[in-house]
């Protein structure tokens, strides 16, 4: 286990990139001698290493950075079958992949993970010795300790101590997290939000996920449900949702909902890209569906901007792109539904991601706990 001072140093470097001992000491409010002692211990542990020498006024400075091979993490996504499992390093780079069958039985899942781990770790000779945590991403509510699944409609779970069950089977420190929150942590640690204190991630896929960083910390709310825009009512008395309500954003603006609307209208489209192609040649039904879905998503994002005034909204998407009609309607709905003084003030970034996003996010949860420790509100 790392000490609080060691984690503080790693957190500063994680947020800022390579730094000299002098800058680190100033950032941490420590003497250079005290900071150098902490850094020396971390170098001995293999978590930190010296990189380039910077020449300027006075004596040259040697920069310190996280050692990519200083620790490894396993990430597992329970959002698809088969369930992807990845091994990542301390820079968030995926270095090995495996798949395992998906189950709704927590004990079976833990056993499948334990069975698949040796093969994954064998891809990297020193991974087993340096394995520092395991993360699991799932659809649902997770408690603030990242230990219990409070509720998952997709998995049919209620109050499942999944982290404990997996830890007992594998002997590895385990953390679980909501899928969108895992992606937000990944973006904060290793991605485009590294330097941003306040931002929201909206994940656009078969469902719509959302998570917030406020003041540099993942914001969970009192019950772990902060950011669940998927189940905000966007169309009162609208279509039934799997959560038991009607008219949720998920029933209008998710990829799954868009495909269902297309099928109900008699269109043969099986993807957002195909629907965009139909709209581009003037298909009125395709245009109407894209306007309905894009308008709903844009309205929900406008609400996020009004509530949180974030420094950035990052929309991640696996399928399709955001330079067609759908993306245009989303942007127009955002601009039309925020206060005029906020219009155009919040950067909206879109990022196409690969299918590793959820497993990578899960590994990032384990890395976050290793580098920074539990994330209190």
Protein backbone atom coordinates (compact mmCIF):
# COMPACT_ATOMS: atom_id res chain seq x y z
CA UNK A 1 0.00 0.00 0.00
CA UNK A 2 1.22 3.49 -0.83
CA UNK A 3 1.39 6.18 1.86
CA UNK A 4 -0.68 9.36 1.61
CA UNK A 5 2.45 11.38 0.78
CA UNK A 6 3.40 8.96 -1.97
CA UNK A 7 -0.10 9.14 -3.43
CA UNK A 8 -0.02 12.93 -3.25
CA UNK A 9 3.16 12.99 -5.32
CA UNK A 10 1.76 10.52 -7.85
CA UNK A 11 -1.47 12.52 -8.07
CA UNK A 12 0.44 15.73 -8.87
CA UNK A 13 2.41 14.00 -11.65
CA UNK A 14 -0.69 12.21 -12.93
CA UNK A 15 -2.49 15.55 -13.31
CA UNK A 16 0.44 17.60 -14.61
CA UNK A 17 2.82 15.24 -16.39
CA UNK A 18 6.59 14.97 -15.80
CA UNK A 19 7.92 17.45 -13.21
CA UNK A 20 11.23 18.30 -11.57
CA UNK A 21 11.86 17.68 -7.89
CA UNK A 22 11.85 21.44 -7.27
CA UNK A 23 8.42 21.92 -8.87
CA UNK A 24 7.06 18.85 -7.07
CA UNK A 25 8.26 20.14 -3.71
CA UNK A 26 6.57 23.49 -4.31
CA UNK A 27 3.36 21.84 -5.49
CA UNK A 28 3.23 19.59 -2.42
CA UNK A 29 4.26 22.25 0.09
CA UNK A 30 7.28 20.21 1.19
CA UNK A 31 10.98 20.85 1.46
CA UNK A 32 12.99 19.57 -1.47
CA UNK A 33 14.74 17.10 0.85
CA UNK A 34 11.45 15.66 2.11
CA UNK A 35 10.01 15.42 -1.39
CA UNK A 36 13.20 13.81 -2.70
CA UNK A 37 12.93 11.12 -0.02
CA UNK A 38 9.37 10.29 -1.11
CA UNK A 39 10.43 10.24 -4.76
CA UNK A 40 13.38 7.99 -3.97
CA UNK A 41 11.09 5.44 -2.30
CA UNK A 42 8.73 5.49 -5.30
CA UNK A 43 11.65 5.00 -7.69
CA UNK A 44 12.77 2.02 -5.60
CA UNK A 45 9.24 0.62 -5.81
CA UNK A 46 9.44 0.98 -9.60
CA UNK A 47 6.41 3.28 -9.80
CA UNK A 48 8.37 6.44 -10.62
CA UNK A 49 11.36 6.97 -12.89
CA UNK A 50 13.67 9.74 -14.05
CA UNK A 51 13.14 10.87 -17.62
CA UNK A 52 14.71 13.74 -19.53
CA UNK A 53 17.06 16.42 -18.25
CA UNK A 54 15.85 19.99 -18.74
CA UNK A 55 18.39 22.77 -19.13
CA UNK A 56 17.59 26.34 -18.16
CA UNK A 57 18.85 28.97 -15.80
CA UNK A 58 20.84 27.44 -12.96
CA UNK A 59 21.40 23.72 -12.52
CA UNK A 60 19.82 21.24 -14.95
CA UNK A 61 16.64 19.55 -13.70
CA UNK A 62 15.78 15.88 -14.11
CA UNK A 63 12.07 15.28 -14.65
CA UNK A 64 10.19 12.57 -12.78
CA UNK A 65 7.28 10.69 -14.34
CA UNK A 66 5.13 7.64 -13.70
CA UNK A 67 6.88 4.46 -14.80
CA UNK A 68 4.48 2.81 -17.28
CA UNK A 69 5.64 -0.66 -16.24
CA UNK A 70 5.60 0.11 -12.52
CA UNK A 71 2.14 -1.36 -12.00
CA UNK A 72 -0.49 -3.21 -14.02
CA UNK A 73 -4.27 -3.30 -13.79
CA UNK A 74 -7.03 -5.57 -15.06
CA UNK A 75 -10.28 -4.14 -16.39
CA UNK A 76 -13.44 -6.11 -17.19
CA UNK A 77 -16.62 -4.89 -18.87
CA UNK A 78 -19.91 -6.58 -18.02
CA UNK A 79 -21.76 -4.71 -20.77
CA UNK A 80 -21.36 -7.25 -23.56
CA UNK A 81 -21.09 -10.96 -24.20
CA UNK A 82 -18.42 -12.19 -24.36
CA UNK A 83 -17.10 -9.88 -21.66
CA UNK A 84 -13.81 -8.19 -22.64
CA UNK A 85 -10.93 -8.29 -20.17
CA UNK A 86 -7.83 -6.09 -20.62
CA UNK A 87 -4.46 -5.63 -18.96
CA UNK A 88 -3.26 -2.02 -18.83
CA UNK A 89 -0.14 -0.27 -17.58
CA UNK A 90 0.29 2.82 -15.42
CA UNK A 91 -0.22 5.09 -18.43
CA UNK A 92 -3.55 3.50 -19.31
CA UNK A 93 -2.16 1.69 -22.34
CA UNK A 94 -3.77 -1.69 -23.07
CA UNK A 95 -1.08 -4.35 -23.45
CA UNK A 96 -3.15 -7.55 -23.51
CA UNK A 97 -6.74 -8.66 -24.10
CA UNK A 98 -8.88 -11.70 -23.41
CA UNK A 99 -12.60 -12.47 -23.55
CA UNK A 100 -14.69 -14.45 -21.10
CA UNK A 101 -18.32 -15.57 -21.15
CA UNK A 102 -20.82 -13.22 -19.50
CA UNK A 103 -23.08 -14.42 -16.69
CA UNK A 104 -25.69 -12.77 -14.49
CA UNK A 105 -24.63 -14.86 -11.51
CA UNK A 106 -22.06 -12.94 -9.40
CA UNK A 107 -20.39 -16.12 -8.14
CA UNK A 108 -20.11 -17.48 -11.67
CA UNK A 109 -18.67 -14.16 -12.90
CA UNK A 110 -16.02 -14.24 -10.15
CA UNK A 111 -15.10 -17.81 -11.11
CA UNK A 112 -14.86 -16.92 -14.80
CA UNK A 113 -12.57 -13.99 -13.98
CA UNK A 114 -10.35 -16.21 -11.82
CA UNK A 115 -10.15 -18.76 -14.65
CA UNK A 116 -9.31 -16.17 -17.33
CA UNK A 117 -6.74 -14.18 -15.33
CA UNK A 118 -3.75 -16.54 -15.71
CA UNK A 119 -4.00 -16.49 -19.51
CA UNK A 120 -4.27 -12.68 -19.58
CA UNK A 121 -1.35 -12.17 -17.20
CA UNK A 122 0.79 -14.67 -19.11
CA UNK A 123 0.91 -12.18 -22.00
CA UNK A 124 3.27 -10.07 -19.90
CA UNK A 125 5.97 -11.88 -17.89
CA UNK A 126 6.08 -9.43 -14.93
CA UNK A 127 2.37 -8.59 -14.87
CA UNK A 128 1.39 -11.06 -12.14
CA UNK A 129 4.03 -9.71 -9.74
CA UNK A 130 3.10 -6.09 -10.44
CA UNK A 131 -0.68 -6.51 -10.62
CA UNK A 132 -2.06 -3.72 -8.43
CA UNK A 133 -5.81 -3.89 -8.82
CA UNK A 134 -8.81 -5.11 -10.77
CA UNK A 135 -11.73 -2.99 -11.97
CA UNK A 136 -15.17 -3.94 -13.25
CA UNK A 137 -17.49 -1.67 -15.26
CA UNK A 138 -21.21 -2.39 -15.35
CA UNK A 139 -24.52 -0.78 -16.17
CA UNK A 140 -26.24 0.31 -12.95
CA UNK A 141 -25.80 2.08 -9.65
CA UNK A 142 -22.66 1.46 -7.58
CA UNK A 143 -22.06 2.58 -3.99
CA UNK A 144 -19.51 5.23 -3.02
CA UNK A 145 -17.00 2.58 -1.89
CA UNK A 146 -16.98 1.07 -5.40
CA UNK A 147 -17.75 -2.27 -3.77
CA UNK A 148 -21.48 -3.01 -4.11
CA UNK A 149 -23.82 -2.94 -7.07
CA UNK A 150 -26.85 -1.19 -5.58
CA UNK A 151 -29.01 -1.92 -8.61
CA UNK A 152 -28.53 -3.05 -12.19
CA UNK A 153 -31.60 -3.53 -14.35
CA UNK A 154 -29.47 -5.01 -17.14
CA UNK A 155 -27.95 -7.67 -14.87
CA UNK A 156 -31.02 -8.09 -12.65
CA UNK A 157 -29.03 -7.29 -9.48
CA UNK A 158 -29.93 -5.60 -6.22
CA UNK A 159 -27.36 -4.98 -3.44
CA UNK A 160 -24.71 -7.38 -4.79
CA UNK A 161 -21.26 -7.15 -3.06
CA UNK A 162 -19.50 -7.93 -6.33
CA UNK A 163 -16.07 -6.53 -5.40
CA UNK A 164 -15.89 -8.75 -2.31
CA UNK A 165 -17.02 -11.83 -4.24
CA UNK A 166 -14.37 -11.29 -6.93
CA UNK A 167 -11.65 -10.51 -4.38
CA UNK A 168 -12.40 -13.75 -2.52
CA UNK A 169 -12.04 -15.75 -5.77
CA UNK A 170 -8.95 -13.99 -7.13
CA UNK A 171 -7.13 -12.55 -4.13
CA UNK A 172 -6.86 -9.23 -6.01
CA UNK A 173 -8.04 -5.86 -4.70
CA UNK A 174 -11.19 -5.18 -6.70
CA UNK A 175 -13.28 -2.09 -7.43
CA UNK A 176 -16.50 -1.82 -9.41
CA UNK A 177 -18.03 1.21 -11.08
CA UNK A 178 -20.85 2.41 -13.28
CA UNK A 179 -19.80 2.28 -16.95
CA UNK A 180 -20.05 6.02 -17.68
CA UNK A 181 -18.24 6.95 -14.47
CA UNK A 182 -15.46 4.52 -15.36
CA UNK A 183 -15.04 6.25 -18.73
CA UNK A 184 -14.95 9.66 -17.01
CA UNK A 185 -12.18 8.45 -14.67
CA UNK A 186 -10.25 7.12 -17.67
CA UNK A 187 -10.53 10.48 -19.44
CA UNK A 188 -9.42 12.33 -16.31
CA UNK A 189 -6.41 10.08 -15.67
CA UNK A 190 -5.22 9.41 -19.19
CA UNK A 191 -7.36 11.23 -21.74
CA UNK A 192 -8.58 14.57 -23.01
CA UNK A 193 -9.87 15.80 -19.63
CA UNK A 194 -6.57 15.45 -17.79
CA UNK A 195 -6.18 19.20 -17.26
CA UNK A 196 -9.88 20.01 -16.72
CA UNK A 197 -11.32 20.24 -13.21
CA UNK A 198 -15.02 20.40 -14.12
CA UNK A 199 -16.39 18.34 -17.00
CA UNK A 200 -19.12 15.88 -17.94
CA UNK A 201 -18.88 12.76 -20.08
CA UNK A 202 -21.92 11.66 -22.07
CA UNK A 203 -21.54 8.17 -23.51
CA UNK A 204 -23.76 7.62 -26.54
CA UNK A 205 -24.38 3.99 -27.41
CA UNK A 206 -27.05 1.36 -26.91
CA UNK A 207 -27.82 3.37 -23.78
CA UNK A 208 -26.97 6.93 -22.79
CA UNK A 209 -24.55 7.23 -19.88
CA UNK A 210 -23.28 10.28 -18.05
CA UNK A 211 -20.77 11.17 -15.34
CA UNK A 212 -19.36 14.35 -13.83
CA UNK A 213 -16.05 15.55 -12.45
CA UNK A 214 -16.46 18.56 -10.18
CA UNK A 215 -13.46 20.22 -8.56
CA UNK A 216 -11.22 17.51 -9.99
CA UNK A 217 -13.18 14.70 -8.32
CA UNK A 218 -15.74 12.23 -9.59
CA UNK A 219 -19.12 13.39 -8.33
CA UNK A 220 -21.38 10.56 -7.25
CA UNK A 221 -24.19 12.25 -5.32
CA UNK A 222 -25.59 10.82 -2.10
CA UNK A 223 -26.63 7.47 -3.56
CA UNK A 224 -24.22 6.99 -6.47
CA UNK A 225 -26.74 8.09 -9.09
CA UNK A 226 -25.45 11.54 -10.04
CA UNK A 227 -25.40 11.98 -13.79
CA UNK A 228 -28.06 9.42 -14.73
CA UNK A 229 -29.54 11.49 -17.55
CA UNK A 230 -30.56 8.27 -19.32
CA UNK A 231 -33.56 8.07 -17.02
CA UNK A 232 -34.50 11.74 -16.94
CA UNK A 233 -37.99 12.17 -18.37
CA UNK A 234 -37.55 13.84 -21.74
CA UNK A 235 -40.96 13.01 -23.25
CA UNK A 236 -43.73 12.95 -20.59
CA UNK A 237 -46.01 9.92 -21.07
CA UNK A 238 -43.66 8.67 -23.78
CA UNK A 239 -42.45 5.15 -24.54
CA UNK A 240 -42.04 2.64 -21.69
CA UNK A 241 -38.49 2.30 -20.35
CA UNK A 242 -36.85 -0.78 -18.84
CA UNK A 243 -36.49 1.19 -15.58
CA UNK A 244 -40.28 1.19 -15.15
CA UNK A 245 -40.85 4.83 -16.11
CA UNK A 246 -42.02 6.30 -19.41
CA UNK A 247 -40.39 8.80 -21.75
CA UNK A 248 -36.83 8.46 -20.45
CA UNK A 249 -33.99 9.84 -22.59
CA UNK A 250 -32.88 6.25 -23.22
CA UNK A 251 -36.19 5.52 -24.99
CA UNK A 252 -35.61 8.32 -27.50
CA UNK A 253 -31.94 9.14 -27.96
CA UNK A 254 -29.97 5.90 -27.52
CA UNK A 255 -28.73 3.85 -30.47
CA UNK A 256 -31.07 1.08 -29.40
CA UNK A 257 -34.05 3.45 -29.41
CA UNK A 258 -33.07 4.90 -32.79
CA UNK A 259 -32.89 1.41 -34.30
CA UNK A 260 -36.26 0.48 -32.78
CA UNK A 261 -37.87 3.65 -34.17
CA UNK A 262 -36.40 2.90 -37.60
CA UNK A 263 -37.74 -0.66 -37.54
CA UNK A 264 -41.18 0.52 -36.39
CA UNK A 265 -41.27 2.94 -39.34
CA UNK A 266 -40.40 0.17 -41.79
CA UNK A 267 -36.85 1.29 -42.50
CA UNK A 268 -34.22 -1.37 -43.13
CA UNK A 269 -31.51 0.63 -41.35
CA UNK A 270 -29.50 -1.33 -38.79
CA UNK A 271 -27.11 1.45 -37.77
CA UNK A 272 -26.96 5.19 -37.25
CA UNK A 273 -24.70 5.47 -40.30
CA UNK A 274 -27.32 3.85 -42.54
CA UNK A 275 -30.02 6.11 -41.12
CA UNK A 276 -27.84 9.15 -41.81
CA UNK A 277 -27.42 7.96 -45.42
CA UNK A 278 -31.19 7.71 -45.82
CA UNK A 279 -31.63 11.20 -44.40
CA UNK A 280 -28.96 12.59 -46.73
CA UNK A 281 -31.02 11.57 -49.78
CA UNK A 282 -34.18 13.16 -48.40
CA UNK A 283 -35.92 10.27 -46.63
CA UNK A 284 -38.46 12.15 -44.51
CA UNK A 285 -38.88 9.33 -41.97
CA UNK A 286 -35.13 9.09 -41.35
CA UNK A 287 -34.92 12.87 -41.00
CA UNK A 288 -37.78 12.87 -38.49
CA UNK A 289 -36.19 10.13 -36.37
CA UNK A 290 -32.81 11.86 -36.31
CA UNK A 291 -34.44 15.17 -35.35
CA UNK A 292 -36.40 13.54 -32.53
CA UNK A 293 -33.40 11.66 -31.12
CA UNK A 294 -30.88 14.46 -31.62
CA UNK A 295 -33.21 17.06 -30.18
CA UNK A 296 -33.77 14.96 -27.06
CA UNK A 297 -30.06 14.36 -26.49
CA UNK A 298 -29.25 18.03 -27.09
CA UNK A 299 -31.94 19.12 -24.64
CA UNK A 300 -30.55 16.80 -21.95
CA UNK A 301 -27.01 18.13 -22.51
CA UNK A 302 -28.32 21.71 -22.34
CA UNK A 303 -29.73 20.86 -18.92
CA UNK A 304 -26.30 19.57 -17.84
CA UNK A 305 -24.73 22.86 -18.88
CA UNK A 306 -27.36 24.83 -16.95
CA UNK A 307 -26.93 22.68 -13.83
CA UNK A 308 -23.13 22.33 -13.68
CA UNK A 309 -21.59 24.99 -15.96
CA UNK A 310 -18.80 22.51 -16.88
CA UNK A 311 -15.51 23.36 -18.56
CA UNK A 312 -16.24 20.73 -21.21
CA UNK A 313 -18.84 18.23 -22.35
CA UNK A 314 -17.25 15.13 -23.90
CA UNK A 315 -19.58 12.95 -25.98
CA UNK A 316 -18.12 9.50 -26.61
CA UNK A 317 -19.61 7.25 -29.26
CA UNK A 318 -18.69 3.85 -30.66
CA UNK A 319 -20.99 3.83 -33.69
CA UNK A 320 -21.37 6.38 -36.46
CA UNK A 321 -20.16 9.94 -36.30
CA UNK A 322 -21.30 13.37 -35.23
CA UNK A 323 -20.76 15.30 -38.45
CA UNK A 324 -24.12 14.36 -39.99
CA UNK A 325 -27.68 15.46 -39.33
CA UNK A 326 -27.86 13.84 -35.89
CA UNK A 327 -24.82 15.74 -34.58
CA UNK A 328 -26.06 18.98 -36.11
CA UNK A 329 -29.44 18.62 -34.40
CA UNK A 330 -27.77 17.80 -31.06
CA UNK A 331 -25.66 20.97 -31.28
CA UNK A 332 -28.63 23.12 -32.34
CA UNK A 333 -30.74 21.78 -29.46
CA UNK A 334 -27.97 22.55 -26.98
CA UNK A 335 -27.63 26.12 -28.21
CA UNK A 336 -31.40 26.66 -28.28
CA UNK A 337 -31.96 25.47 -24.73
CA UNK A 338 -29.24 27.12 -22.66
CA UNK A 339 -29.38 30.69 -21.42
CA UNK A 340 -28.17 33.04 -24.16
CA UNK A 341 -25.20 34.11 -22.03
CA UNK A 342 -24.02 30.44 -21.91
CA UNK A 343 -24.61 29.70 -25.59
CA UNK A 344 -21.33 28.68 -27.22
CA UNK A 345 -19.39 29.05 -23.96
CA UNK A 346 -19.07 25.33 -23.14
CA UNK A 347 -16.81 23.32 -25.46
CA UNK A 348 -18.64 20.25 -26.80
CA UNK A 349 -16.16 17.61 -27.90
CA UNK A 350 -17.09 14.40 -29.64
CA UNK A 351 -14.80 11.42 -29.60
CA UNK A 352 -15.24 8.18 -31.47
CA UNK A 353 -14.01 5.35 -29.27
CA UNK A 354 -13.39 1.66 -29.85
CA UNK A 355 -15.01 -1.27 -28.12
CA UNK A 356 -12.24 -1.30 -25.49
CA UNK A 357 -13.68 1.82 -23.87
CA UNK A 358 -15.56 0.08 -21.05
CA UNK A 359 -12.83 -2.41 -20.11
CA UNK A 360 -10.21 0.36 -20.32
CA UNK A 361 -12.40 2.47 -18.06
CA UNK A 362 -12.68 -0.40 -15.60
CA UNK A 363 -8.88 -0.74 -15.47
CA UNK A 364 -8.69 3.02 -14.90
CA UNK A 365 -10.87 2.64 -11.79
CA UNK A 366 -8.27 0.28 -10.34
CA UNK A 367 -5.45 2.62 -11.41
CA UNK A 368 -7.26 5.59 -9.86
CA UNK A 369 -7.49 3.80 -6.52
CA UNK A 370 -3.83 2.84 -6.71
CA UNK A 371 -2.59 6.32 -7.62
CA UNK A 372 -5.00 8.54 -5.74
CA UNK A 373 -6.89 6.34 -3.31
CA UNK A 374 -10.66 6.19 -2.68
CA UNK A 375 -12.56 9.09 -4.19
CA UNK A 376 -14.60 10.77 -1.43
CA UNK A 377 -17.21 13.40 -2.31
